[in-house]
């Protein structure tokens, strides 16, 4: 799988939604949170283990930041 480089410059959003789950989003500067232009990762903390997964298993800039919690990750 070939990953696309993030747009430059980038906008970052971070949401620590609980003690064990956080979301990190990357998009081009100027992107709105409800536009399908975000690459989103879910970060899961379990003891000493940290798991990072892409939304819908894609590294593409195709998701809405506002929908991060309802996406599937893998």
C-alpha atoms as a PDB file:
ATOM      1  CA  UNK A   1       0.000   0.000   0.000  1.00  0.00           C
ATOM      2  CA  UNK A   2       1.360   3.400  -0.897  1.00  0.00           C
ATOM      3  CA  UNK A   3       0.472   6.232   1.462  1.00  0.00           C
ATOM      4  CA  UNK A   4      -0.119   9.743   0.236  1.00  0.00           C
ATOM      5  CA  UNK A   5       1.899  12.477   1.889  1.00  0.00           C
ATOM      6  CA  UNK A   6      -0.138  14.898   3.982  1.00  0.00           C
ATOM      7  CA  UNK A   7      -1.055  18.194   2.389  1.00  0.00           C
ATOM      8  CA  UNK A   8       1.351  20.973   3.187  1.00  0.00           C
ATOM      9  CA  UNK A   9       0.808  22.949   5.344  1.00  0.00           C
ATOM     10  CA  UNK A  10      -1.416  20.776   7.518  1.00  0.00           C
ATOM     11  CA  UNK A  11      -4.165  21.298  10.038  1.00  0.00           C
ATOM     12  CA  UNK A  12      -4.205  18.959  13.034  1.00  0.00           C
ATOM     13  CA  UNK A  13      -7.080  18.156  15.350  1.00  0.00           C
ATOM     14  CA  UNK A  14      -6.792  16.018  18.483  1.00  0.00           C
ATOM     15  CA  UNK A  15      -9.625  14.698  20.633  1.00  0.00           C
ATOM     16  CA  UNK A  16      -8.925  12.781  23.851  1.00  0.00           C
ATOM     17  CA  UNK A  17     -12.449  11.381  24.069  1.00  0.00           C
ATOM     18  CA  UNK A  18     -11.745   9.137  27.089  1.00  0.00           C
ATOM     19  CA  UNK A  19      -8.884   7.776  29.175  1.00  0.00           C
ATOM     20  CA  UNK A  20      -8.354   5.000  26.624  1.00  0.00           C
ATOM     21  CA  UNK A  21      -9.362   6.528  23.251  1.00  0.00           C
ATOM     22  CA  UNK A  22      -8.025   9.523  21.335  1.00  0.00           C
ATOM     23  CA  UNK A  23      -8.432  10.672  17.736  1.00  0.00           C
ATOM     24  CA  UNK A  24      -5.885  12.471  15.569  1.00  0.00           C
ATOM     25  CA  UNK A  25      -6.985  14.146  12.356  1.00  0.00           C
ATOM     26  CA  UNK A  26      -4.898  15.671   9.575  1.00  0.00           C
ATOM     27  CA  UNK A  27      -6.166  17.838   6.722  1.00  0.00           C
ATOM     28  CA  UNK A  28      -5.096  20.741   4.552  1.00  0.00           C
ATOM     29  CA  UNK A  29      -5.146  24.151   6.248  1.00  0.00           C
ATOM     30  CA  UNK A  30      -8.550  25.710   5.657  1.00  0.00           C
ATOM     31  CA  UNK A  31     -10.411  22.396   5.683  1.00  0.00           C
ATOM     32  CA  UNK A  32     -13.663  22.496   7.594  1.00  0.00           C
ATOM     33  CA  UNK A  33     -14.325  19.771  10.157  1.00  0.00           C
ATOM     34  CA  UNK A  34     -17.460  18.650   8.296  1.00  0.00           C
ATOM     35  CA  UNK A  35     -15.696  18.281   4.910  1.00  0.00           C
ATOM     36  CA  UNK A  36     -14.625  14.860   3.644  1.00  0.00           C
ATOM     37  CA  UNK A  37     -10.964  15.907   3.549  1.00  0.00           C
ATOM     38  CA  UNK A  38      -9.528  14.382   6.732  1.00  0.00           C
ATOM     39  CA  UNK A  39      -7.195  11.477   7.451  1.00  0.00           C
ATOM     40  CA  UNK A  40      -8.218  10.193  10.877  1.00  0.00           C
ATOM     41  CA  UNK A  41      -6.474   7.832  13.269  1.00  0.00           C
ATOM     42  CA  UNK A  42      -7.853   6.324  16.455  1.00  0.00           C
ATOM     43  CA  UNK A  43      -5.316   5.833  19.238  1.00  0.00           C
ATOM     44  CA  UNK A  44      -6.187   3.246  21.881  1.00  0.00           C
ATOM     45  CA  UNK A  45      -4.324   3.096  25.204  1.00  0.00           C
ATOM     46  CA  UNK A  46      -4.471  -0.202  27.128  1.00  0.00           C
ATOM     47  CA  UNK A  47      -1.954  -0.342  29.951  1.00  0.00           C
ATOM     48  CA  UNK A  48       1.481  -0.153  28.329  1.00  0.00           C
ATOM     49  CA  UNK A  49       0.084  -0.929  24.865  1.00  0.00           C
ATOM     50  CA  UNK A  50      -0.806   1.743  22.310  1.00  0.00           C
ATOM     51  CA  UNK A  51      -2.682   0.863  19.113  1.00  0.00           C
ATOM     52  CA  UNK A  52      -3.028   3.287  16.194  1.00  0.00           C
ATOM     53  CA  UNK A  53      -5.600   2.518  13.508  1.00  0.00           C
ATOM     54  CA  UNK A  54      -6.783   4.398  10.414  1.00  0.00           C
ATOM     55  CA  UNK A  55     -10.476   5.190   9.936  1.00  0.00           C
ATOM     56  CA  UNK A  56     -12.095   2.693   7.578  1.00  0.00           C
ATOM     57  CA  UNK A  57      -8.585   1.155   7.198  1.00  0.00           C
ATOM     58  CA  UNK A  58      -7.544   3.890   4.751  1.00  0.00           C
ATOM     59  CA  UNK A  59      -4.864   6.545   5.006  1.00  0.00           C
ATOM     60  CA  UNK A  60      -6.741   8.680   2.484  1.00  0.00           C
ATOM     61  CA  UNK A  61      -7.955  12.217   3.145  1.00  0.00           C
ATOM     62  CA  UNK A  62     -11.595  11.202   2.682  1.00  0.00           C
ATOM     63  CA  UNK A  63     -13.316  11.454   6.079  1.00  0.00           C
ATOM     64  CA  UNK A  64     -15.156  14.103   8.087  1.00  0.00           C
ATOM     65  CA  UNK A  65     -13.579  15.028  11.429  1.00  0.00           C
ATOM     66  CA  UNK A  66     -17.068  15.508  12.868  1.00  0.00           C
ATOM     67  CA  UNK A  67     -17.813  11.797  12.225  1.00  0.00           C
ATOM     68  CA  UNK A  68     -14.622  10.402  13.836  1.00  0.00           C
ATOM     69  CA  UNK A  69     -16.363   8.537  16.663  1.00  0.00           C
ATOM     70  CA  UNK A  70     -18.827   6.748  14.359  1.00  0.00           C
ATOM     71  CA  UNK A  71     -16.259   5.470  11.831  1.00  0.00           C
ATOM     72  CA  UNK A  72     -14.892   1.927  11.949  1.00  0.00           C
ATOM     73  CA  UNK A  73     -11.164   1.476  12.486  1.00  0.00           C
ATOM     74  CA  UNK A  74      -8.711  -1.235  11.636  1.00  0.00           C
END
